[in-house]
Structures are given as C-alpha cells and as structure tokens.
N, C-alpha and C. Protein backbone atom coordinates (compact mmCIF):
# COMPACT_ATOMS: atom_id res chain seq x y z
N MET A 1 9.93 -1.36 24.50
CA MET A 1 10.07 -1.21 23.09
C MET A 1 8.89 -0.12 22.62
N SER A 2 9.36 0.85 21.81
CA SER A 2 7.86 1.86 21.53
C SER A 2 7.72 1.10 20.01
N LEU A 3 6.20 1.73 19.72
CA LEU A 3 5.21 1.43 18.43
C LEU A 3 6.14 2.10 17.48
N THR A 4 6.68 1.43 16.53
CA THR A 4 7.32 2.35 15.04
C THR A 4 6.30 2.51 14.12
N LEU A 5 6.64 3.53 13.15
CA LEU A 5 5.87 4.00 12.34
C LEU A 5 5.51 2.60 11.11
N HIS A 6 6.69 2.04 11.12
CA HIS A 6 6.80 0.56 10.13
C HIS A 6 5.73 -0.29 10.98
N ALA A 7 5.91 -0.51 12.23
CA ALA A 7 5.01 -1.47 12.74
C ALA A 7 3.43 -1.04 12.60
N SER A 8 3.18 0.32 12.35
CA SER A 8 1.96 0.74 12.70
C SER A 8 1.19 1.08 11.01
N SER A 9 2.14 0.39 9.95
CA SER A 9 1.74 0.67 8.80
C SER A 9 1.99 -0.49 7.79
N ALA A 10 3.03 -0.63 7.45
CA ALA A 10 3.25 -1.78 6.60
C ALA A 10 2.55 -3.30 7.00
N PRO A 11 2.56 -3.68 7.95
CA PRO A 11 2.05 -4.92 8.37
C PRO A 11 0.31 -4.57 8.34
N ILE A 12 0.04 -3.67 8.50
CA ILE A 12 -1.45 -3.53 8.33
C ILE A 12 -1.95 -3.30 6.77
N PHE A 13 -1.03 -2.85 6.16
CA PHE A 13 -1.22 -2.56 4.63
C PHE A 13 -1.34 -4.26 3.98
N VAL A 14 -0.46 -5.19 4.34
CA VAL A 14 -0.15 -6.39 4.01
C VAL A 14 -1.35 -7.45 4.60
N ARG A 15 -1.98 -7.23 5.67
CA ARG A 15 -2.98 -8.02 6.41
C ARG A 15 -3.87 -7.58 5.62
N SER A 16 -4.52 -6.26 5.27
CA SER A 16 -5.39 -5.53 4.64
C SER A 16 -5.71 -6.51 2.86
N PHE A 17 -4.67 -6.30 2.50
CA PHE A 17 -4.63 -6.73 1.38
C PHE A 17 -4.53 -8.11 1.02
N THR A 18 -4.10 -8.82 2.03
CA THR A 18 -4.26 -10.23 2.19
C THR A 18 -5.68 -10.80 2.32
N ASN A 19 -6.55 -10.04 3.14
CA ASN A 19 -7.70 -10.17 3.55
C ASN A 19 -8.61 -9.98 2.02
N MET A 20 -8.34 -8.78 1.39
CA MET A 20 -8.95 -8.41 0.09
C MET A 20 -8.80 -9.75 -0.93
N LEU A 21 -7.50 -10.36 -1.09
CA LEU A 21 -7.59 -11.50 -1.78
C LEU A 21 -8.52 -12.42 -1.20
N SER A 22 -8.69 -12.84 -0.19
CA SER A 22 -9.77 -14.01 0.06
C SER A 22 -11.39 -13.44 -0.38
N TRP A 23 -11.17 -12.02 -0.07
CA TRP A 23 -12.69 -11.60 -0.45
C TRP A 23 -13.19 -11.72 -2.08
N PHE A 24 -12.14 -11.72 -2.78
CA PHE A 24 -12.36 -11.87 -4.18
C PHE A 24 -12.61 -13.37 -4.47
N ASP A 25 -11.57 -14.19 -3.58
CA ASP A 25 -12.01 -15.81 -3.77
C ASP A 25 -13.53 -15.99 -3.10
N LYS A 26 -14.06 -15.45 -2.30
CA LYS A 26 -15.50 -15.42 -1.92
C LYS A 26 -16.56 -14.81 -3.05
N ALA A 27 -15.97 -13.85 -3.72
CA ALA A 27 -16.90 -13.44 -4.65
C ALA A 27 -16.94 -14.04 -5.87
N GLU A 28 -15.87 -14.70 -6.19
CA GLU A 28 -15.87 -15.87 -7.46
C GLU A 28 -16.69 -16.53 -7.03
N ALA A 29 -16.58 -17.43 -6.02
CA ALA A 29 -17.53 -18.46 -5.60
C ALA A 29 -19.07 -18.01 -5.50
N HIS A 30 -19.36 -16.83 -5.16
CA HIS A 30 -20.39 -16.20 -5.12
C HIS A 30 -21.01 -16.37 -6.49
N ALA A 31 -20.01 -15.86 -7.29
CA ALA A 31 -20.57 -15.52 -8.83
C ALA A 31 -21.13 -17.05 -9.64
N LYS A 32 -20.22 -17.89 -9.11
CA LYS A 32 -20.32 -19.35 -9.92
C LYS A 32 -21.35 -19.92 -9.22
N GLU A 33 -21.85 -19.93 -7.74
CA GLU A 33 -23.07 -20.54 -7.44
C GLU A 33 -24.18 -19.76 -7.90
N ARG A 34 -24.08 -18.66 -8.32
CA ARG A 34 -25.42 -18.06 -9.05
C ARG A 34 -25.53 -18.06 -10.66
N GLY A 35 -24.41 -18.42 -10.95
CA GLY A 35 -24.31 -18.64 -12.50
C GLY A 35 -24.16 -17.22 -13.10
N PHE A 36 -23.46 -16.35 -12.75
CA PHE A 36 -22.78 -14.93 -13.48
C PHE A 36 -21.64 -15.08 -13.60
N ASP A 37 -21.02 -14.17 -14.44
CA ASP A 37 -19.77 -13.82 -14.61
C ASP A 37 -19.10 -13.15 -13.38
N PRO A 38 -18.02 -13.45 -12.61
CA PRO A 38 -17.58 -12.74 -11.77
C PRO A 38 -17.07 -11.46 -11.86
N GLU A 39 -16.66 -11.10 -13.55
CA GLU A 39 -16.21 -9.83 -13.94
C GLU A 39 -17.54 -8.79 -13.88
N ASN A 40 -18.54 -9.31 -13.53
CA ASN A 40 -19.58 -8.42 -13.34
C ASN A 40 -19.47 -7.42 -12.18
N TYR A 41 -18.55 -7.93 -11.28
CA TYR A 41 -18.03 -7.21 -9.99
C TYR A 41 -17.61 -5.77 -10.47
N LEU A 42 -16.62 -5.89 -11.36
CA LEU A 42 -16.00 -4.75 -11.75
C LEU A 42 -16.77 -3.36 -12.05
N THR A 43 -18.07 -3.59 -12.31
CA THR A 43 -18.66 -2.43 -12.49
C THR A 43 -19.52 -1.64 -10.92
N LEU A 44 -19.23 -2.62 -10.13
CA LEU A 44 -20.05 -2.20 -9.01
C LEU A 44 -19.86 -0.93 -8.65
N ARG A 45 -20.65 -0.22 -7.85
CA ARG A 45 -20.42 1.38 -7.43
C ARG A 45 -21.81 1.48 -6.75
N LEU A 46 -21.63 2.22 -5.53
CA LEU A 46 -22.87 2.39 -4.65
C LEU A 46 -23.54 3.76 -5.01
N ALA A 47 -22.81 4.59 -5.83
CA ALA A 47 -23.54 5.90 -6.14
C ALA A 47 -22.95 6.13 -7.50
N PRO A 48 -23.73 6.75 -8.44
CA PRO A 48 -23.58 6.96 -9.78
C PRO A 48 -22.05 8.00 -9.74
N ASP A 49 -21.93 8.67 -8.55
CA ASP A 49 -20.56 9.65 -8.94
C ASP A 49 -19.29 8.91 -8.26
N MET A 50 -19.52 7.59 -7.66
CA MET A 50 -18.49 6.87 -6.80
C MET A 50 -17.62 5.83 -7.85
N HIS A 51 -16.23 5.72 -7.58
CA HIS A 51 -15.29 5.06 -8.59
C HIS A 51 -15.94 3.63 -8.31
N PRO A 52 -15.74 2.93 -9.18
CA PRO A 52 -16.24 1.50 -9.17
C PRO A 52 -15.19 0.74 -8.72
N LEU A 53 -15.48 -0.57 -8.45
CA LEU A 53 -14.49 -1.48 -7.66
C LEU A 53 -13.00 -1.33 -7.88
N PRO A 54 -12.57 -1.32 -9.30
CA PRO A 54 -11.00 -1.49 -9.86
C PRO A 54 -10.53 -0.18 -9.03
N ARG A 55 -11.30 0.74 -9.12
CA ARG A 55 -10.54 1.98 -8.80
C ARG A 55 -10.36 2.10 -7.50
N GLN A 56 -11.17 1.53 -6.70
CA GLN A 56 -10.96 1.51 -5.04
C GLN A 56 -9.84 0.75 -4.81
N VAL A 57 -9.83 -0.36 -5.56
CA VAL A 57 -8.26 -1.36 -5.11
C VAL A 57 -7.27 -0.66 -5.54
N GLN A 58 -7.23 0.09 -6.84
CA GLN A 58 -6.08 0.91 -7.37
C GLN A 58 -5.80 1.69 -6.30
N ILE A 59 -6.66 2.59 -6.06
CA ILE A 59 -6.10 3.92 -4.91
C ILE A 59 -5.96 3.26 -3.84
N ALA A 60 -6.60 2.01 -3.14
CA ALA A 60 -5.84 1.56 -1.85
C ALA A 60 -4.57 1.06 -2.12
N SER A 61 -4.32 0.33 -3.31
CA SER A 61 -2.54 0.05 -3.65
C SER A 61 -1.65 1.36 -3.68
N ASP A 62 -2.36 2.37 -4.30
CA ASP A 62 -1.35 3.74 -4.30
C ASP A 62 -1.29 4.35 -3.25
N ALA A 63 -2.39 4.42 -2.14
CA ALA A 63 -2.23 4.65 -0.99
C ALA A 63 -1.41 3.89 -0.08
N ALA A 64 -1.21 2.79 -0.14
CA ALA A 64 -0.36 1.83 0.48
C ALA A 64 1.11 2.36 0.42
N LYS A 65 1.40 1.96 -1.07
CA LYS A 65 2.40 2.21 -1.36
C LYS A 65 3.32 3.85 -1.44
N GLY A 66 2.42 4.71 -1.53
CA GLY A 66 2.74 6.04 -1.24
C GLY A 66 3.02 6.27 0.04
N CYS A 67 2.24 5.63 1.14
CA CYS A 67 2.43 5.96 2.41
C CYS A 67 3.92 5.13 3.00
N VAL A 68 4.34 4.03 2.40
CA VAL A 68 5.38 3.34 2.73
C VAL A 68 6.85 4.19 2.18
N ALA A 69 6.37 4.84 0.98
CA ALA A 69 7.43 5.47 0.26
C ALA A 69 7.54 6.62 1.03
N ARG A 70 6.62 7.58 1.31
CA ARG A 70 6.97 8.93 2.29
C ARG A 70 7.46 8.64 3.34
N LEU A 71 6.89 7.45 4.36
CA LEU A 71 7.89 7.42 5.61
C LEU A 71 8.91 6.77 5.44
N SER A 72 9.47 6.06 4.52
CA SER A 72 10.85 5.43 4.21
C SER A 72 11.95 6.25 3.62
N GLY A 73 11.15 7.40 2.94
CA GLY A 73 12.03 8.30 2.03
C GLY A 73 12.81 7.83 0.90
N THR A 74 11.76 6.59 0.31
CA THR A 74 12.19 6.13 -1.04
C THR A 74 10.96 6.18 -1.90
N ALA A 75 11.09 5.53 -3.26
CA ALA A 75 10.30 6.14 -4.20
C ALA A 75 9.47 4.84 -4.02
N ALA A 76 8.37 5.09 -4.61
CA ALA A 76 7.37 4.22 -4.79
C ALA A 76 7.13 3.66 -6.24
N PRO A 77 6.93 2.39 -6.48
CA PRO A 77 6.70 2.06 -7.81
C PRO A 77 5.81 2.59 -8.67
N SER A 78 5.67 2.96 -9.72
CA SER A 78 4.44 3.58 -10.49
C SER A 78 3.96 2.36 -11.17
N TRP A 79 2.51 2.22 -11.29
CA TRP A 79 1.94 1.12 -12.16
C TRP A 79 0.61 1.79 -13.07
N PRO A 80 0.45 1.33 -14.02
CA PRO A 80 -0.90 1.87 -14.71
C PRO A 80 -1.69 1.37 -13.95
N ASP A 81 -2.90 2.39 -14.05
CA ASP A 81 -4.13 1.94 -13.51
C ASP A 81 -5.14 1.37 -14.57
N GLY A 82 -4.66 -0.01 -15.11
CA GLY A 82 -5.27 -0.54 -16.32
C GLY A 82 -6.01 -2.02 -16.08
N GLU A 83 -6.12 -2.17 -14.56
CA GLU A 83 -6.84 -3.44 -14.23
C GLU A 83 -8.16 -3.83 -14.93
N GLN A 84 -8.42 -4.63 -15.70
CA GLN A 84 -9.79 -4.76 -15.95
C GLN A 84 -10.31 -6.00 -16.10
N THR A 85 -9.88 -7.08 -14.96
CA THR A 85 -10.28 -8.40 -14.58
C THR A 85 -10.10 -8.54 -13.22
N LEU A 86 -10.65 -9.46 -12.39
CA LEU A 86 -9.91 -9.75 -11.07
C LEU A 86 -9.06 -9.88 -10.86
N ALA A 87 -8.25 -10.92 -11.87
CA ALA A 87 -7.14 -11.55 -11.98
C ALA A 87 -5.88 -10.56 -11.90
N GLU A 88 -6.42 -9.07 -12.85
CA GLU A 88 -5.33 -8.46 -12.92
C GLU A 88 -5.35 -7.70 -11.55
N LEU A 89 -6.61 -7.50 -11.06
CA LEU A 89 -6.63 -6.89 -9.57
C LEU A 89 -5.95 -7.67 -8.44
N ARG A 90 -5.91 -8.77 -8.70
CA ARG A 90 -5.20 -9.82 -7.69
C ARG A 90 -3.90 -9.48 -7.84
N GLU A 91 -3.38 -9.28 -9.09
CA GLU A 91 -1.89 -9.22 -9.24
C GLU A 91 -1.38 -8.00 -8.71
N ARG A 92 -2.03 -6.88 -9.16
CA ARG A 92 -1.59 -5.64 -8.53
C ARG A 92 -1.60 -5.64 -6.92
N ILE A 93 -2.60 -6.38 -6.31
CA ILE A 93 -2.69 -6.52 -5.05
C ILE A 93 -1.05 -7.26 -4.40
N ARG A 94 -0.93 -8.33 -5.12
CA ARG A 94 0.26 -9.29 -4.74
C ARG A 94 1.51 -8.34 -4.92
N LYS A 95 1.46 -7.64 -6.20
CA LYS A 95 2.56 -6.65 -6.25
C LYS A 95 2.86 -5.39 -5.16
N THR A 96 1.55 -5.05 -4.70
CA THR A 96 1.65 -4.05 -3.63
C THR A 96 2.01 -4.76 -2.37
N ILE A 97 2.05 -6.11 -2.10
CA ILE A 97 2.21 -6.78 -1.13
C ILE A 97 3.78 -6.77 -1.14
N ALA A 98 4.07 -7.28 -2.29
CA ALA A 98 5.61 -7.56 -2.36
C ALA A 98 6.58 -6.09 -2.14
N TYR A 99 5.89 -5.03 -2.83
CA TYR A 99 6.51 -3.88 -2.57
C TYR A 99 6.58 -3.53 -1.25
N VAL A 100 5.59 -3.38 -0.36
CA VAL A 100 5.30 -3.14 1.04
C VAL A 100 6.17 -4.09 1.93
N ASP A 101 6.27 -5.04 1.60
CA ASP A 101 7.53 -6.18 2.23
C ASP A 101 8.61 -5.92 1.90
N SER A 102 9.05 -5.43 0.71
CA SER A 102 10.47 -5.04 0.38
C SER A 102 11.27 -3.84 1.11
N VAL A 103 10.44 -3.25 1.67
CA VAL A 103 10.93 -1.88 2.30
C VAL A 103 11.13 -2.27 3.60
N PRO A 104 12.54 -2.15 4.23
CA PRO A 104 12.86 -2.49 5.54
C PRO A 104 12.44 -1.84 6.45
N ALA A 105 12.20 -2.25 7.72
CA ALA A 105 11.64 -1.69 8.67
C ALA A 105 12.93 -0.41 9.20
N ALA A 106 14.03 -0.93 8.77
CA ALA A 106 15.28 0.32 9.20
C ALA A 106 14.89 1.79 8.29
N ALA A 107 14.44 1.42 7.22
CA ALA A 107 13.97 2.54 6.20
C ALA A 107 13.11 3.40 7.07
N PHE A 108 12.44 2.84 7.91
CA PHE A 108 11.45 3.92 8.58
C PHE A 108 12.24 4.71 9.80
N GLU A 109 13.07 4.44 10.12
CA GLU A 109 14.20 5.08 11.37
C GLU A 109 14.06 6.76 10.89
N GLY A 110 13.36 7.13 12.05
CA GLY A 110 13.23 8.75 12.01
C GLY A 110 11.73 9.25 11.09
N ALA A 111 11.17 8.35 10.63
CA ALA A 111 9.82 8.90 9.93
C ALA A 111 8.77 9.56 10.85
N GLU A 112 9.07 9.21 12.19
CA GLU A 112 7.88 10.04 12.77
C GLU A 112 7.88 11.67 12.67
N THR A 113 9.22 11.94 12.53
CA THR A 113 9.45 13.50 12.22
C THR A 113 9.47 13.80 10.81
N ARG A 114 9.91 12.88 9.90
CA ARG A 114 10.34 13.08 8.48
C ARG A 114 9.32 13.91 8.08
N GLU A 115 9.87 14.83 6.92
CA GLU A 115 8.61 15.65 6.65
C GLU A 115 7.72 14.85 5.29
N VAL A 116 6.70 15.13 5.16
CA VAL A 116 5.93 14.52 4.26
C VAL A 116 5.35 15.45 3.55
N VAL A 117 5.47 15.68 2.27
CA VAL A 117 4.85 16.60 1.47
C VAL A 117 3.94 16.27 0.48
N LEU A 118 2.80 16.44 0.40
CA LEU A 118 1.65 16.21 -0.52
C LEU A 118 1.21 16.93 -1.63
N PRO A 119 1.08 16.97 -2.63
CA PRO A 119 0.37 17.76 -3.26
C PRO A 119 -1.22 17.93 -3.29
N ILE A 120 -1.51 19.13 -3.46
CA ILE A 120 -3.06 19.35 -3.20
C ILE A 120 -3.36 20.18 -4.61
N GLY A 121 -3.80 19.62 -5.30
CA GLY A 121 -4.00 20.00 -6.62
C GLY A 121 -3.07 20.30 -7.40
N ALA A 122 -2.74 20.99 -8.20
CA ALA A 122 -1.66 21.33 -9.25
C ALA A 122 -0.72 22.43 -8.94
N GLU A 123 -1.10 23.27 -8.17
CA GLU A 123 -0.24 24.35 -7.50
C GLU A 123 0.03 24.32 -5.81
N ARG A 124 -0.56 23.44 -5.18
CA ARG A 124 -0.06 23.66 -3.78
C ARG A 124 0.27 22.35 -3.04
N THR A 125 0.67 22.54 -2.13
CA THR A 125 1.32 21.22 -1.42
C THR A 125 1.07 21.62 0.07
N ILE A 126 0.92 20.44 0.88
CA ILE A 126 0.59 20.36 2.34
C ILE A 126 1.53 19.60 2.85
N THR A 127 2.24 20.13 4.09
CA THR A 127 3.65 19.16 4.68
C THR A 127 3.12 19.03 6.06
N PHE A 128 3.31 17.56 6.36
CA PHE A 128 3.09 16.74 7.48
C PHE A 128 4.37 16.45 8.55
N PRO A 129 4.62 16.14 9.49
CA PRO A 129 5.32 15.36 10.08
C PRO A 129 5.04 13.79 9.76
N GLY A 130 5.98 13.00 9.70
CA GLY A 130 5.40 11.44 9.50
C GLY A 130 4.35 10.79 10.00
N GLN A 131 4.67 11.07 11.46
CA GLN A 131 3.47 10.39 12.44
C GLN A 131 1.99 11.22 11.97
N VAL A 132 2.08 12.31 12.08
CA VAL A 132 0.66 13.26 11.55
C VAL A 132 0.16 12.62 10.42
N TYR A 133 1.00 12.65 9.16
CA TYR A 133 0.61 11.84 7.74
C TYR A 133 -0.03 10.64 7.96
N LEU A 134 0.90 9.67 8.67
CA LEU A 134 0.30 8.35 8.85
C LEU A 134 -1.17 8.10 9.54
N GLN A 135 -1.16 8.93 10.47
CA GLN A 135 -2.18 8.76 11.70
C GLN A 135 -3.48 9.57 10.76
N GLY A 136 -3.40 10.80 10.24
CA GLY A 136 -4.18 11.79 9.77
C GLY A 136 -4.60 11.61 8.43
N VAL A 137 -3.61 10.98 7.54
CA VAL A 137 -3.94 10.89 6.04
C VAL A 137 -3.78 9.44 5.51
N GLY A 138 -2.77 8.96 5.74
CA GLY A 138 -2.13 7.71 5.14
C GLY A 138 -3.12 6.62 5.37
N LEU A 139 -3.15 6.18 6.77
CA LEU A 139 -4.13 5.28 7.07
C LEU A 139 -5.49 5.34 6.99
N PRO A 140 -6.19 7.00 7.01
CA PRO A 140 -7.72 6.92 7.14
C PRO A 140 -7.60 6.87 5.33
N ASN A 141 -6.97 7.23 4.43
CA ASN A 141 -7.01 7.03 3.00
C ASN A 141 -6.84 5.84 2.50
N PHE A 142 -6.03 5.05 3.10
CA PHE A 142 -5.95 3.77 2.59
C PHE A 142 -7.41 2.75 3.16
N PHE A 143 -7.79 2.87 4.36
CA PHE A 143 -8.75 2.17 4.75
C PHE A 143 -10.51 2.85 4.26
N PHE A 144 -10.28 3.78 3.71
CA PHE A 144 -11.64 4.32 3.13
C PHE A 144 -11.82 3.44 1.75
N HIS A 145 -10.64 3.41 1.08
CA HIS A 145 -10.92 2.40 -0.22
C HIS A 145 -10.97 0.98 -0.20
N VAL A 146 -10.29 0.47 1.17
CA VAL A 146 -10.39 -0.97 1.55
C VAL A 146 -11.55 -1.25 1.92
N THR A 147 -12.51 -0.12 2.70
CA THR A 147 -13.73 -0.32 3.27
C THR A 147 -14.57 -0.35 2.13
N MET A 148 -14.57 0.58 1.19
CA MET A 148 -15.15 0.49 0.07
C MET A 148 -15.57 -0.71 -0.77
N THR A 149 -14.11 -1.45 -1.07
CA THR A 149 -14.11 -2.29 -1.99
C THR A 149 -14.79 -3.54 -1.03
N TYR A 150 -14.70 -3.68 0.30
CA TYR A 150 -15.54 -4.68 1.17
C TYR A 150 -17.14 -4.41 0.84
N ALA A 151 -17.44 -3.20 0.95
CA ALA A 151 -18.70 -2.55 1.11
C ALA A 151 -19.67 -3.01 -0.33
N LEU A 152 -18.60 -2.74 -1.77
CA LEU A 152 -19.24 -2.87 -2.64
C LEU A 152 -19.42 -4.45 -2.77
N LEU A 153 -18.49 -5.54 -2.63
CA LEU A 153 -18.64 -6.77 -2.77
C LEU A 153 -19.98 -7.33 -1.76
N ARG A 154 -20.01 -6.75 -0.39
CA ARG A 154 -20.97 -7.28 0.39
C ARG A 154 -22.33 -6.73 -0.18
N HIS A 155 -22.45 -5.36 -0.73
CA HIS A 155 -23.54 -5.06 -1.20
C HIS A 155 -24.04 -5.85 -2.39
N ALA A 156 -23.14 -6.51 -3.15
CA ALA A 156 -23.58 -7.26 -4.36
C ALA A 156 -23.97 -8.82 -3.73
N GLY A 157 -23.90 -9.21 -2.28
CA GLY A 157 -24.45 -10.52 -1.95
C GLY A 157 -23.26 -11.38 -1.53
N VAL A 158 -22.31 -10.74 -1.84
CA VAL A 158 -21.09 -11.80 -1.56
C VAL A 158 -20.91 -12.13 0.30
N ALA A 159 -21.04 -13.30 0.52
CA ALA A 159 -21.24 -13.57 2.35
C ALA A 159 -19.80 -13.30 2.68
N LEU A 160 -19.74 -11.99 3.01
CA LEU A 160 -18.48 -11.66 3.67
C LEU A 160 -19.17 -10.74 5.20
N GLY A 161 -18.30 -11.06 6.16
CA GLY A 161 -18.31 -10.63 7.64
C GLY A 161 -17.29 -10.03 8.16
N LYS A 162 -17.38 -9.42 9.43
CA LYS A 162 -16.53 -8.74 10.16
C LYS A 162 -15.23 -9.30 10.15
N MET A 163 -15.24 -10.69 10.33
CA MET A 163 -13.87 -11.46 10.36
C MET A 163 -13.52 -11.46 9.18
N ASP A 164 -14.05 -11.41 7.89
CA ASP A 164 -13.23 -11.40 6.66
C ASP A 164 -12.70 -10.36 6.51
N TYR A 165 -13.29 -8.91 7.02
CA TYR A 165 -12.52 -7.69 6.88
C TYR A 165 -11.52 -7.82 7.78
N LEU A 166 -11.24 -8.39 9.08
CA LEU A 166 -10.43 -8.04 10.01
C LEU A 166 -9.26 -9.07 9.68
N GLY A 167 -9.77 -10.12 9.19
CA GLY A 167 -8.86 -11.39 8.96
C GLY A 167 -8.57 -12.17 10.22
N ALA A 168 -7.56 -13.07 10.20
CA ALA A 168 -7.27 -13.72 11.41
C ALA A 168 -6.45 -13.14 12.26
N PRO A 169 -6.43 -13.21 13.51
CA PRO A 169 -5.67 -12.46 14.44
C PRO A 169 -4.16 -12.87 14.47
C-alpha cells in the first residue's frame, strides 16, 4: 500500500493540534503555579514584528483547513479570527480537528496530481500539483506556526519538551 496524501496530512494536523491542546493545559498550570493570569500568554511574541500567539494558532488552523480542502477538492469552513482567550483558541483548535476529521480519505483520491491554485497577493496566483503543494507549502506553513506557538509558550517558561511537541507515538 502506498502512502496517500490523506495519510500524509490529516492525521498529522490532528495530532499536532491535539498536542497543542495539552500545551495550553500546561501553560495554564504554569500561570497558576506562578500566580499570574494565563491570558497573559496571548500577548507573547518573540520579536516586535511577529504575530502574537493567537494569530499563530489561527494561521495554523487556516493552514490545516486550507490544505485539507485544497487536496480534497472541497471548501474549507471560514471562521473569523477573533479569539481573545485561551478557551476560545482551544475551541478553534477543536473545530479545526472536527473539520479535518470530517473529510473522508476517499475525498483525497487523485490529490497527488490535483491542481492547487494559491493566490499570491491580490493579482497573482501560483499553481502546484497536490503532492508538491503538500510537501512544499501546506505542511511547512502549518508546522511553522505550530512551532511558533510551541516556542512562544516555551520562551514564557512553560515546561514543554520535545515529547510534548511530538506527542505520544
């Protein structure tokens, strides 16, 4: 049996978001132990020109939804980027997991060669075959924002390690 684009994407998105939910649990415990409001994490950024933590989660969510939709030839749900609490970010993560899980593996049939057209700015597009898109854009973009979320929490002192990032095998 060959490795499908569904198997190379959807379960990876779900696992990473499931891990992220546990990072938020650890972040809240960390804040409680040190006596500060866990919502302080929402302002975290590593550099002044970097998106803060909520935007990292939103972009990771959009990346996963968009990737699944493009590869399956379906439409992704659109949600406003208005999360202002950790609880709201958790809800967005859960909705993203539910959406990814709702798209059947069969919808990915032919995704390797399915044309994926991405807008570049307001007036340009770039086109990829599905496999090239997944490997060169979809997964790297998703993992960039997942990693930034992890790094922001880790930088704030939350006791996260490599196994928190990777999750249980």
